[in-house]
N, C-alpha and C. Protein backbone atom coordinates (compact mmCIF):
# COMPACT_ATOMS: atom_id res chain seq x y z
N GLN A 1 -9.65 0.27 -18.93
CA GLN A 1 -8.30 0.00 -18.45
C GLN A 1 -8.22 0.35 -16.97
N VAL A 2 -7.63 -0.58 -16.21
CA VAL A 2 -7.50 -0.36 -14.77
C VAL A 2 -6.35 0.61 -14.51
N GLN A 3 -6.61 1.58 -13.66
CA GLN A 3 -5.57 2.52 -13.24
C GLN A 3 -5.57 2.63 -11.73
N LEU A 4 -4.38 2.59 -11.16
CA LEU A 4 -4.18 2.76 -9.73
C LEU A 4 -3.23 3.93 -9.55
N VAL A 5 -3.63 4.91 -8.78
CA VAL A 5 -2.81 6.10 -8.59
C VAL A 5 -2.53 6.29 -7.10
N GLU A 6 -1.24 6.21 -6.74
CA GLU A 6 -0.84 6.36 -5.35
C GLU A 6 -0.53 7.82 -5.03
N SER A 7 -0.65 8.14 -3.76
CA SER A 7 -0.24 9.45 -3.26
C SER A 7 0.09 9.32 -1.78
N GLY A 8 0.76 10.34 -1.25
CA GLY A 8 1.01 10.38 0.18
C GLY A 8 2.43 10.06 0.60
N GLY A 9 3.27 9.67 -0.33
CA GLY A 9 4.65 9.38 0.03
C GLY A 9 5.42 10.65 0.35
N GLY A 10 6.61 10.48 0.89
CA GLY A 10 7.44 11.64 1.22
C GLY A 10 8.48 11.29 2.24
N LEU A 11 9.07 12.33 2.81
CA LEU A 11 10.12 12.17 3.82
C LEU A 11 9.50 12.32 5.21
N VAL A 12 9.85 11.39 6.09
CA VAL A 12 9.32 11.41 7.45
C VAL A 12 10.42 10.97 8.41
N GLN A 13 10.40 11.50 9.61
CA GLN A 13 11.39 11.09 10.61
C GLN A 13 10.99 9.77 11.26
N ALA A 14 11.97 9.04 11.69
CA ALA A 14 11.71 7.79 12.40
C ALA A 14 10.79 8.05 13.59
N GLY A 15 9.81 7.16 13.75
CA GLY A 15 8.83 7.33 14.82
C GLY A 15 7.60 8.09 14.40
N GLY A 16 7.65 8.70 13.23
CA GLY A 16 6.54 9.48 12.74
C GLY A 16 5.51 8.64 12.00
N SER A 17 4.57 9.34 11.36
CA SER A 17 3.48 8.67 10.66
C SER A 17 3.33 9.22 9.25
N LEU A 18 2.75 8.38 8.41
CA LEU A 18 2.50 8.75 7.02
C LEU A 18 1.28 7.95 6.56
N ARG A 19 0.49 8.54 5.67
CA ARG A 19 -0.68 7.83 5.15
C ARG A 19 -0.61 7.80 3.64
N LEU A 20 -0.58 6.61 3.09
CA LEU A 20 -0.60 6.43 1.65
C LEU A 20 -2.03 6.17 1.18
N SER A 21 -2.34 6.67 0.00
CA SER A 21 -3.65 6.45 -0.58
C SER A 21 -3.51 5.93 -2.00
N CYS A 22 -4.44 5.09 -2.39
CA CYS A 22 -4.47 4.53 -3.76
C CYS A 22 -5.89 4.65 -4.28
N ILE A 23 -6.04 5.44 -5.34
CA ILE A 23 -7.35 5.59 -5.97
C ILE A 23 -7.42 4.67 -7.18
N ALA A 24 -8.46 3.85 -7.22
CA ALA A 24 -8.64 2.90 -8.31
C ALA A 24 -9.65 3.43 -9.33
N SER A 25 -9.42 3.10 -10.60
CA SER A 25 -10.32 3.57 -11.65
C SER A 25 -11.64 2.82 -11.63
N ALA A 26 -11.64 1.63 -11.03
CA ALA A 26 -12.87 0.86 -10.89
C ALA A 26 -13.18 0.70 -9.41
N GLY A 27 -14.41 0.31 -9.10
CA GLY A 27 -14.79 0.13 -7.70
C GLY A 27 -13.85 -0.84 -6.99
N VAL A 28 -13.43 -0.49 -5.79
CA VAL A 28 -12.45 -1.31 -5.08
C VAL A 28 -13.00 -2.70 -4.75
N LEU A 29 -14.30 -2.81 -4.61
CA LEU A 29 -14.88 -4.11 -4.32
C LEU A 29 -14.97 -5.00 -5.56
N SER A 30 -14.62 -4.46 -6.72
CA SER A 30 -14.61 -5.27 -7.94
C SER A 30 -13.35 -6.12 -8.04
N TYR A 31 -12.39 -5.85 -7.16
CA TYR A 31 -11.15 -6.61 -7.15
C TYR A 31 -11.20 -7.70 -6.08
N ASN A 32 -10.61 -8.84 -6.35
CA ASN A 32 -10.54 -9.89 -5.34
C ASN A 32 -9.74 -9.42 -4.13
N SER A 33 -8.72 -8.64 -4.41
CA SER A 33 -7.87 -8.16 -3.34
C SER A 33 -7.14 -6.90 -3.79
N MET A 34 -6.89 -6.02 -2.85
CA MET A 34 -6.03 -4.86 -3.09
C MET A 34 -5.02 -4.80 -1.96
N GLY A 35 -3.90 -4.17 -2.26
CA GLY A 35 -2.89 -4.11 -1.21
C GLY A 35 -1.73 -3.22 -1.56
N TRP A 36 -0.73 -3.28 -0.71
CA TRP A 36 0.48 -2.48 -0.87
C TRP A 36 1.71 -3.39 -0.84
N TYR A 37 2.62 -3.12 -1.74
CA TYR A 37 3.91 -3.78 -1.80
C TYR A 37 4.98 -2.68 -1.68
N ARG A 38 6.19 -3.09 -1.38
CA ARG A 38 7.29 -2.12 -1.37
C ARG A 38 8.54 -2.77 -1.95
N GLN A 39 9.42 -1.91 -2.43
CA GLN A 39 10.64 -2.39 -3.08
C GLN A 39 11.77 -1.43 -2.83
N THR A 40 12.94 -1.99 -2.52
CA THR A 40 14.16 -1.21 -2.40
C THR A 40 15.14 -1.68 -3.46
N PRO A 41 16.13 -0.85 -3.82
CA PRO A 41 17.06 -1.21 -4.89
C PRO A 41 17.74 -2.55 -4.64
N GLY A 42 17.73 -3.39 -5.65
CA GLY A 42 18.41 -4.67 -5.56
C GLY A 42 17.62 -5.76 -4.88
N LYS A 43 16.42 -5.44 -4.43
CA LYS A 43 15.60 -6.43 -3.75
C LYS A 43 14.29 -6.64 -4.50
N GLU A 44 13.68 -7.79 -4.24
CA GLU A 44 12.40 -8.08 -4.87
C GLU A 44 11.29 -7.29 -4.18
N ARG A 45 10.25 -7.07 -4.93
CA ARG A 45 9.08 -6.40 -4.37
C ARG A 45 8.44 -7.34 -3.34
N GLU A 46 8.07 -6.78 -2.19
CA GLU A 46 7.51 -7.60 -1.13
C GLU A 46 6.17 -7.07 -0.67
N LEU A 47 5.33 -7.98 -0.23
CA LEU A 47 4.02 -7.61 0.28
C LEU A 47 4.15 -6.87 1.60
N VAL A 48 3.40 -5.79 1.73
CA VAL A 48 3.31 -5.07 2.99
C VAL A 48 1.98 -5.40 3.68
N ALA A 49 0.88 -5.23 2.94
CA ALA A 49 -0.44 -5.50 3.49
C ALA A 49 -1.42 -5.73 2.35
N SER A 50 -2.43 -6.57 2.60
CA SER A 50 -3.45 -6.80 1.59
C SER A 50 -4.81 -6.88 2.26
N LEU A 51 -5.84 -6.55 1.48
CA LEU A 51 -7.22 -6.54 1.97
C LEU A 51 -8.10 -7.14 0.89
N SER A 52 -8.77 -8.24 1.19
CA SER A 52 -9.62 -8.88 0.20
C SER A 52 -11.02 -8.28 0.22
N PHE A 53 -11.79 -8.59 -0.82
CA PHE A 53 -13.16 -8.05 -0.88
C PHE A 53 -14.03 -8.66 0.21
N LEU A 54 -13.55 -9.76 0.83
CA LEU A 54 -14.25 -10.36 1.97
C LEU A 54 -13.70 -9.83 3.29
N ASP A 55 -12.86 -8.79 3.21
CA ASP A 55 -12.29 -8.14 4.39
C ASP A 55 -11.23 -8.97 5.11
N THR A 56 -10.65 -9.93 4.42
CA THR A 56 -9.51 -10.65 4.98
C THR A 56 -8.26 -9.77 4.83
N ILE A 57 -7.54 -9.58 5.93
CA ILE A 57 -6.37 -8.71 5.93
C ILE A 57 -5.12 -9.52 6.26
N ASN A 58 -4.06 -9.23 5.54
CA ASN A 58 -2.75 -9.82 5.81
C ASN A 58 -1.71 -8.72 5.93
N TYR A 59 -0.83 -8.87 6.88
CA TYR A 59 0.29 -7.94 7.06
C TYR A 59 1.60 -8.72 7.05
N ALA A 60 2.62 -8.10 6.48
CA ALA A 60 3.96 -8.67 6.60
C ALA A 60 4.41 -8.53 8.06
N ASP A 61 5.18 -9.50 8.53
CA ASP A 61 5.59 -9.48 9.94
C ASP A 61 6.26 -8.17 10.37
N PRO A 62 7.14 -7.58 9.53
CA PRO A 62 7.83 -6.36 9.99
C PRO A 62 6.92 -5.17 10.25
N VAL A 63 5.70 -5.19 9.71
CA VAL A 63 4.82 -4.01 9.86
C VAL A 63 3.63 -4.27 10.78
N LYS A 64 3.50 -5.50 11.24
CA LYS A 64 2.37 -5.82 12.11
C LYS A 64 2.39 -4.94 13.37
N GLY A 65 1.23 -4.40 13.70
CA GLY A 65 1.13 -3.53 14.86
C GLY A 65 1.49 -2.09 14.59
N ARG A 66 2.04 -1.79 13.41
CA ARG A 66 2.43 -0.42 13.08
C ARG A 66 1.66 0.13 11.89
N PHE A 67 1.38 -0.71 10.92
CA PHE A 67 0.68 -0.28 9.70
C PHE A 67 -0.75 -0.82 9.72
N THR A 68 -1.65 -0.04 9.11
CA THR A 68 -3.05 -0.45 9.00
C THR A 68 -3.55 -0.19 7.59
N ILE A 69 -4.12 -1.21 6.99
CA ILE A 69 -4.71 -1.06 5.66
C ILE A 69 -6.22 -0.90 5.82
N SER A 70 -6.80 -0.04 5.00
CA SER A 70 -8.24 0.18 5.08
C SER A 70 -8.78 0.53 3.69
N ARG A 71 -10.08 0.50 3.60
CA ARG A 71 -10.72 0.74 2.30
C ARG A 71 -11.87 1.73 2.47
N ASP A 72 -11.99 2.64 1.52
CA ASP A 72 -13.14 3.55 1.44
C ASP A 72 -13.82 3.26 0.12
N SER A 73 -14.82 2.40 0.16
CA SER A 73 -15.47 1.96 -1.08
C SER A 73 -16.14 3.11 -1.81
N ALA A 74 -16.69 4.06 -1.07
CA ALA A 74 -17.39 5.19 -1.70
C ALA A 74 -16.45 6.04 -2.54
N LYS A 75 -15.16 6.05 -2.16
CA LYS A 75 -14.18 6.87 -2.88
C LYS A 75 -13.22 6.02 -3.71
N ASN A 76 -13.50 4.72 -3.84
CA ASN A 76 -12.64 3.82 -4.62
C ASN A 76 -11.18 3.93 -4.17
N THR A 77 -10.97 4.00 -2.88
CA THR A 77 -9.64 4.27 -2.35
C THR A 77 -9.24 3.24 -1.30
N VAL A 78 -7.98 2.86 -1.34
CA VAL A 78 -7.38 2.03 -0.31
C VAL A 78 -6.26 2.83 0.34
N HIS A 79 -6.22 2.79 1.67
CA HIS A 79 -5.22 3.55 2.40
C HIS A 79 -4.25 2.61 3.12
N LEU A 80 -3.06 3.14 3.38
CA LEU A 80 -2.11 2.45 4.24
C LEU A 80 -1.63 3.48 5.27
N GLN A 81 -2.08 3.31 6.50
CA GLN A 81 -1.64 4.18 7.58
C GLN A 81 -0.37 3.59 8.18
N MET A 82 0.69 4.38 8.15
CA MET A 82 1.99 3.92 8.60
C MET A 82 2.36 4.70 9.86
N ASN A 83 2.42 4.02 10.98
CA ASN A 83 2.80 4.63 12.25
C ASN A 83 4.12 4.06 12.74
N SER A 84 4.76 4.80 13.62
CA SER A 84 6.04 4.35 14.20
C SER A 84 7.00 3.87 13.11
N VAL A 85 7.13 4.67 12.07
CA VAL A 85 7.96 4.25 10.94
C VAL A 85 9.43 4.16 11.35
N ARG A 86 10.14 3.31 10.63
CA ARG A 86 11.56 3.04 10.90
C ARG A 86 12.35 3.29 9.63
N PRO A 87 13.65 3.53 9.76
CA PRO A 87 14.47 3.71 8.55
C PRO A 87 14.36 2.53 7.58
N GLU A 88 14.18 1.33 8.08
CA GLU A 88 14.06 0.17 7.21
C GLU A 88 12.74 0.12 6.45
N ASP A 89 11.81 1.03 6.75
CA ASP A 89 10.58 1.13 5.97
C ASP A 89 10.79 1.95 4.69
N THR A 90 11.96 2.54 4.54
CA THR A 90 12.26 3.32 3.34
C THR A 90 12.18 2.43 2.11
N ALA A 91 11.37 2.83 1.14
CA ALA A 91 11.16 2.03 -0.07
C ALA A 91 10.21 2.79 -1.00
N VAL A 92 10.09 2.28 -2.20
CA VAL A 92 9.01 2.71 -3.09
C VAL A 92 7.82 1.79 -2.81
N TYR A 93 6.68 2.39 -2.52
CA TYR A 93 5.48 1.64 -2.19
C TYR A 93 4.55 1.63 -3.41
N PHE A 94 4.09 0.44 -3.73
CA PHE A 94 3.23 0.24 -4.90
C PHE A 94 1.86 -0.25 -4.47
N CYS A 95 0.84 0.33 -5.04
CA CYS A 95 -0.52 -0.17 -4.88
C CYS A 95 -0.72 -1.33 -5.85
N HIS A 96 -1.41 -2.36 -5.39
CA HIS A 96 -1.63 -3.55 -6.20
C HIS A 96 -3.09 -3.97 -6.10
N ALA A 97 -3.61 -4.47 -7.21
CA ALA A 97 -4.97 -5.02 -7.22
C ALA A 97 -4.99 -6.21 -8.16
N TRP A 98 -5.84 -7.18 -7.82
CA TRP A 98 -5.95 -8.29 -8.75
C TRP A 98 -7.39 -8.81 -8.77
N LYS A 99 -7.71 -9.32 -9.93
CA LYS A 99 -8.96 -10.00 -10.17
C LYS A 99 -8.70 -11.01 -11.27
N PRO A 100 -9.63 -11.89 -11.57
CA PRO A 100 -9.33 -12.93 -12.56
C PRO A 100 -8.77 -12.41 -13.88
N ALA A 101 -9.08 -11.18 -14.23
CA ALA A 101 -8.57 -10.62 -15.49
C ALA A 101 -7.08 -10.33 -15.43
N GLY A 102 -6.51 -10.21 -14.21
CA GLY A 102 -5.08 -9.95 -14.13
C GLY A 102 -4.68 -9.19 -12.88
N HIS A 103 -3.37 -8.90 -12.82
CA HIS A 103 -2.79 -8.12 -11.73
C HIS A 103 -2.50 -6.71 -12.24
N TYR A 104 -2.69 -5.73 -11.35
CA TYR A 104 -2.52 -4.34 -11.73
C TYR A 104 -1.68 -3.63 -10.69
N TRP A 105 -0.85 -2.67 -11.17
CA TRP A 105 0.07 -1.95 -10.31
C TRP A 105 -0.03 -0.45 -10.54
N GLY A 106 0.17 0.28 -9.45
CA GLY A 106 0.34 1.71 -9.59
C GLY A 106 1.76 2.04 -9.96
N GLN A 107 2.05 3.34 -10.09
CA GLN A 107 3.37 3.77 -10.52
C GLN A 107 4.37 3.82 -9.37
N GLY A 108 3.90 3.77 -8.14
CA GLY A 108 4.77 3.78 -6.98
C GLY A 108 4.91 5.16 -6.38
N THR A 109 5.10 5.18 -5.06
CA THR A 109 5.35 6.43 -4.35
C THR A 109 6.47 6.18 -3.34
N LEU A 110 7.41 7.11 -3.29
CA LEU A 110 8.59 6.92 -2.46
C LEU A 110 8.32 7.35 -1.02
N VAL A 111 8.68 6.47 -0.10
CA VAL A 111 8.66 6.79 1.33
C VAL A 111 10.09 6.72 1.83
N ALA A 112 10.56 7.81 2.41
CA ALA A 112 11.92 7.87 2.94
C ALA A 112 11.85 8.21 4.43
N VAL A 113 12.42 7.36 5.26
CA VAL A 113 12.39 7.56 6.71
C VAL A 113 13.80 7.91 7.18
N SER A 114 13.93 9.06 7.78
CA SER A 114 15.23 9.49 8.28
C SER A 114 15.40 9.11 9.75
N SER A 115 16.63 8.78 10.10
CA SER A 115 16.90 8.36 11.50
C SER A 115 17.26 9.54 12.38
C-alpha cells in the first residue's frame, strides 16, 4: 500500500520561508510524477508544483520564482521549499503521487502565513 507522509507545515510570517517534506513508502522514482497541491476552505484543490520521473517540473503561476520542488531519491522524499511566502499561500498542502496503478495522497499539512 502506498503511503505519503507530509511534514514541515506550520505558522510563518509573510516574507519568510518554510520547507515541506513528503516521505513515500515506495521509491520516488517508481512514480510517474510526484508533487504538491494545496486547498483552502470552499475551494478546489490546486496544483502547486510537480516533478516527473524524467525531471520535468511544473509550477503554478502564483508560486513561480518563490517555490522550488526537489527530490531526494535516496531518502524517498520530495521537498517543497517555500520562500517569500505570502498570506495567500495559507492552505493545507497535500503531497501527491501517481502511477498507472492510481493516484495517491498524503494526509495534508497546514501552512499558515501571517501578515
